[in-house]
Protein backbone atom coordinates (compact mmCIF):
# COMPACT_ATOMS: atom_id res chain seq x y z
CA MET A 1 -113.87 80.17 -22.74
CA ASN A 2 -114.40 82.69 -25.50
CA ASN A 3 -110.71 83.52 -25.99
CA VAL A 4 -110.09 84.27 -22.31
CA LEU A 5 -106.97 82.69 -20.87
CA ARG A 6 -107.20 80.59 -17.73
CA THR A 7 -105.28 82.12 -14.82
CA PRO A 8 -102.47 79.76 -13.74
CA ILE A 9 -102.77 78.53 -10.15
CA SER A 10 -99.22 79.77 -9.61
CA GLU A 11 -100.35 83.36 -10.19
CA SER A 12 -102.79 83.25 -7.27
CA GLN A 13 -102.08 83.14 -3.56
CA TRP A 14 -103.95 80.35 -1.78
CA ILE A 15 -104.46 80.95 1.94
CA SER A 16 -106.28 78.53 4.23
CA TYR A 17 -107.93 79.22 7.58
CA LYS A 18 -109.34 76.98 10.29
CA ASN A 19 -113.00 77.84 9.70
CA ALA A 20 -115.41 80.20 7.92
CA GLY A 21 -115.29 82.69 10.77
CA ALA A 22 -111.53 82.98 10.47
CA VAL A 23 -111.87 83.49 6.71
CA ALA A 24 -114.37 86.29 7.22
CA LYS A 25 -112.12 88.05 9.73
CA ALA A 26 -109.11 87.76 7.45
CA VAL A 27 -111.07 89.15 4.50
CA CYS A 28 -112.21 92.15 6.54
CA ASP A 29 -108.62 92.84 7.56
CA ALA A 30 -107.49 92.58 3.93
CA ILE A 31 -110.30 94.88 2.79
CA ARG A 32 -109.06 97.53 5.20
CA ILE A 33 -105.58 97.35 3.67
CA ALA A 34 -106.93 97.62 0.11
CA GLU A 35 -109.22 100.48 1.15
CA LYS A 36 -106.35 102.48 2.66
CA ALA A 37 -104.16 101.99 -0.40
CA ALA A 38 -106.91 103.02 -2.82
CA ILE A 39 -107.92 106.15 -0.91
CA GLU A 40 -104.30 107.24 -0.60
CA GLU A 41 -103.79 106.61 -4.32
CA HIS A 42 -106.88 108.25 -5.83
CA GLY A 43 -109.27 109.31 -3.07
CA ALA A 44 -111.86 106.57 -3.50
CA PHE A 45 -112.38 102.88 -2.81
CA LYS A 46 -114.24 101.09 -5.60
CA ILE A 47 -115.35 97.65 -4.43
CA VAL A 48 -117.41 94.94 -6.14
CA LEU A 49 -119.48 92.84 -3.74
CA ALA A 50 -120.72 89.28 -4.13
CA GLY A 51 -123.88 87.50 -3.08
CA GLY A 52 -123.98 84.19 -1.27
CA THR A 53 -123.71 82.77 2.23
CA THR A 54 -119.95 83.14 2.66
CA PRO A 55 -119.84 86.88 1.79
CA LYS A 56 -122.83 87.45 4.09
CA HIS A 57 -120.67 86.72 7.14
CA ILE A 58 -118.09 89.19 5.88
CA TYR A 59 -120.70 91.92 5.50
CA GLN A 60 -122.00 91.33 9.02
CA LEU A 61 -118.49 91.88 10.36
CA LEU A 62 -117.86 94.93 8.18
CA ALA A 63 -121.10 96.51 9.42
CA LYS A 64 -119.65 96.59 12.95
CA GLU A 65 -116.35 98.20 11.93
CA LYS A 66 -115.32 101.77 11.34
CA HIS A 67 -114.12 102.59 7.84
CA ASP A 68 -113.80 105.67 5.62
CA TRP A 69 -117.30 105.00 4.33
CA GLU A 70 -117.59 108.36 2.61
CA HIS A 71 -114.94 107.21 0.12
CA TRP A 72 -116.54 103.84 -0.69
CA HIS A 73 -118.15 103.24 -4.09
CA VAL A 74 -120.06 99.95 -4.14
CA TYR A 75 -120.90 97.75 -7.14
CA LEU A 76 -122.31 94.23 -7.52
CA GLY A 77 -120.77 91.41 -9.52
CA ASP A 78 -124.14 89.91 -10.42
CA GLU A 79 -127.84 89.99 -9.67
CA ARG A 80 -130.95 87.88 -10.07
CA CYS A 81 -133.80 89.20 -12.18
CA LEU A 82 -136.38 89.48 -9.41
CA PRO A 83 -138.36 92.33 -7.84
CA VAL A 84 -136.23 94.71 -5.77
CA ASP A 85 -137.79 93.47 -2.53
CA ASP A 86 -137.40 89.76 -3.27
CA PRO A 87 -135.39 88.02 -0.51
CA GLU A 88 -133.40 86.13 -3.17
CA ARG A 89 -131.89 89.35 -4.51
CA ASN A 90 -128.19 89.82 -3.77
CA SER A 91 -128.86 93.51 -3.26
CA LEU A 92 -131.37 92.91 -0.47
CA MET A 93 -129.04 90.57 1.41
CA ILE A 94 -126.20 93.07 1.13
CA GLN A 95 -128.39 95.96 2.22
CA GLU A 96 -129.83 94.15 5.24
CA ASN A 97 -126.50 92.79 6.46
CA PHE A 98 -124.20 95.67 5.55
CA LEU A 99 -125.26 98.78 3.69
CA ASP A 100 -128.18 99.68 5.96
CA HIS A 101 -125.76 99.87 8.88
CA VAL A 102 -122.99 102.06 7.48
CA ASP A 103 -122.74 105.61 6.14
CA ILE A 104 -121.79 105.08 2.52
CA PRO A 105 -123.41 107.92 0.51
CA LYS A 106 -126.46 106.59 -1.31
CA ASP A 107 -125.30 107.97 -4.65
CA GLN A 108 -122.13 105.89 -4.30
CA ILE A 109 -124.05 102.61 -4.06
CA HIS A 110 -124.66 101.19 -7.53
CA MET A 111 -127.05 98.23 -7.60
CA ILE A 112 -127.81 96.28 -10.77
CA PRO A 113 -131.37 97.17 -11.92
CA ALA A 114 -132.19 93.52 -12.64
CA GLU A 115 -135.89 94.16 -12.16
CA LEU A 116 -135.77 95.73 -15.65
CA GLY A 117 -135.03 92.35 -17.20
CA ALA A 118 -131.67 90.80 -18.02
CA GLU A 119 -130.91 92.54 -21.32
CA LYS A 120 -131.94 96.05 -20.30
CA ALA A 121 -130.29 95.77 -16.89
CA ALA A 122 -127.03 94.62 -18.48
CA GLN A 123 -127.04 97.62 -20.82
CA VAL A 124 -127.75 100.08 -18.01
CA TYR A 125 -125.12 98.64 -15.68
CA ALA A 126 -122.47 98.55 -18.39
CA THR A 127 -122.97 102.29 -18.75
CA THR A 128 -122.70 102.69 -14.98
CA ILE A 129 -119.32 100.98 -14.66
CA LYS A 130 -117.54 101.67 -17.94
CA ASP A 131 -115.90 104.88 -16.72
CA VAL A 132 -114.93 103.68 -13.24
CA LEU A 133 -112.62 100.80 -14.17
CA PRO A 134 -110.35 99.48 -12.87
CA PHE A 135 -111.95 98.51 -9.57
CA ASP A 136 -109.84 98.55 -6.44
CA LEU A 137 -111.19 95.28 -5.05
CA VAL A 138 -113.44 92.54 -6.40
CA LEU A 139 -114.92 90.09 -3.91
CA LEU A 140 -116.16 86.79 -5.33
CA GLY A 141 -117.47 83.52 -4.00
CA MET A 142 -117.73 80.14 -5.69
CA GLY A 143 -120.66 77.77 -6.08
CA GLU A 144 -120.52 74.02 -5.69
CA ASP A 145 -120.30 73.70 -9.49
CA GLY A 146 -117.39 76.12 -9.79
CA HIS A 147 -119.42 79.11 -10.95
CA THR A 148 -118.64 82.62 -9.79
CA ALA A 149 -120.94 85.66 -9.99
CA SER A 150 -123.49 84.35 -12.54
CA LEU A 151 -120.87 82.81 -14.81
CA PHE A 152 -121.60 79.09 -15.03
CA PRO A 153 -119.63 76.08 -16.33
CA GLN A 154 -120.42 74.98 -19.90
CA HIS A 155 -122.09 78.33 -20.61
CA LYS A 156 -121.02 80.88 -23.16
CA ASN A 157 -119.63 83.80 -21.18
CA PRO A 158 -119.14 86.69 -23.65
CA SER A 159 -115.69 88.24 -23.51
CA ASN A 160 -116.47 91.44 -25.40
CA THR A 161 -118.83 93.08 -22.90
CA PHE A 162 -118.59 94.62 -19.43
CA VAL A 163 -121.90 93.14 -18.32
CA HIS A 164 -124.11 90.55 -19.95
CA ALA A 165 -127.53 88.98 -19.65
CA VAL A 166 -127.85 85.39 -18.44
CA TYR A 167 -130.96 83.51 -19.57
CA ASP A 168 -130.20 79.90 -18.67
CA ALA A 169 -128.82 79.71 -15.14
CA PRO A 170 -128.90 76.06 -14.00
CA LYS A 171 -130.96 76.95 -10.94
CA PRO A 172 -133.74 79.50 -10.48
CA PRO A 173 -134.07 82.26 -11.26
CA VAL A 174 -132.78 81.43 -14.71
CA HIS A 175 -132.58 85.10 -15.76
CA ARG A 176 -129.67 87.01 -14.24
CA VAL A 177 -127.17 89.78 -14.93
CA SER A 178 -123.43 89.33 -14.47
CA MET A 179 -120.22 91.25 -14.93
CA SER A 180 -118.00 89.52 -17.47
CA ILE A 181 -114.76 87.75 -16.64
CA GLN A 182 -112.79 90.64 -18.16
CA CYS A 183 -114.71 93.18 -16.10
CA LEU A 184 -114.32 91.24 -12.83
CA SER A 185 -110.63 90.84 -13.61
CA ASN A 186 -110.16 94.56 -14.27
CA THR A 187 -109.27 95.17 -10.65
CA ILE A 188 -106.21 95.93 -8.60
CA VAL A 189 -106.99 93.19 -6.08
CA ALA A 190 -109.38 90.21 -6.15
CA PHE A 191 -110.40 87.95 -3.26
CA LEU A 192 -111.98 84.59 -4.07
CA ILE A 193 -113.71 83.47 -0.87
CA ILE A 194 -114.58 79.78 -0.53
CA THR A 195 -115.86 77.93 2.54
CA GLY A 196 -117.60 74.66 3.33
CA LYS A 197 -117.24 70.95 2.59
CA SER A 198 -119.63 71.22 -0.36
CA LYS A 199 -116.91 73.10 -2.31
CA GLN A 200 -114.29 70.33 -2.12
CA GLN A 201 -115.12 68.75 -5.46
CA ALA A 202 -115.05 72.06 -7.33
CA ILE A 203 -111.75 72.97 -5.66
CA GLY A 204 -110.29 69.66 -6.84
CA THR A 205 -111.59 70.20 -10.35
CA TRP A 206 -110.14 73.71 -10.44
CA ARG A 207 -106.72 72.60 -9.24
CA THR A 208 -106.50 69.90 -11.89
CA GLY A 209 -106.95 72.51 -14.59
CA GLU A 210 -110.50 71.85 -15.75
CA ASP A 211 -112.62 74.51 -17.39
CA LEU A 212 -114.39 76.39 -14.58
CA PRO A 213 -115.37 80.07 -14.78
CA ILE A 214 -113.62 80.93 -11.51
CA ALA A 215 -110.33 79.70 -12.97
CA TYR A 216 -110.32 82.63 -15.42
CA ILE A 217 -110.51 85.43 -12.84
CA SER A 218 -107.33 87.48 -12.52
CA ALA A 219 -106.20 90.79 -11.02
CA LYS A 220 -103.66 93.48 -11.85
CA GLU A 221 -101.68 93.16 -8.61
CA SER A 222 -102.99 90.50 -6.24
CA LEU A 223 -105.31 87.51 -6.59
CA LYS A 224 -106.00 85.74 -3.29
CA VAL A 225 -107.97 82.53 -2.87
CA MET A 226 -109.07 82.48 0.78
CA LEU A 227 -110.49 79.15 1.98
CA ASP A 228 -111.37 77.30 5.14
CA HIS A 229 -110.15 73.80 5.98
CA ASP A 230 -113.52 72.28 5.12
CA ALA A 231 -113.31 73.54 1.54
CA LEU A 232 -109.83 72.05 1.20
CA GLY A 233 -110.79 68.79 2.89
CA ILE A 234 -108.20 69.07 5.66
């Protein structure tokens, strides 16, 4: 995949939970630990959020908790090129389920301006994030085909950019913006969150070493794959 090395399964920690609710609770607890470490280390918590159904449950839990919100700096791993008020936007889901309910300073919330079009938005967002790396925590989900963020199997995923335009997503909208594998992997900690029976085939494919985008994600200190029993087929 464009000269990026696949991350060996042995370098990630796989943790299974009874159901999606237990996964969400465990992720929230782990976020608190990463947050505390980052703020003690450098006075800020730089987190990359994901879209999708599984992360949505995590955001709903986070919205009810107390955190050091004034130190949070929020980024998105990918976005769909749609109007800002379109219900299919990752940003809108995250705002409605999380950001609208907590006191993170508005100038510390950095959405991808995908309404500008894929190419322009990628350029703008690359400028936004280039001086903040590494992230403290990257949160990612996985699609039924093994994609993560808007990095899809059998697609060319450029390895020499922070953020790139996507013009041929296999499902609508076909135009998107995504952080690159290198950018998503430039983090202290990464959590790959996977729930549901529909993910079993992709999990099996990943574990047999096939070429899936999610298999290339890494982290500087800790890479955790957090799954429910349905995703593992147990």
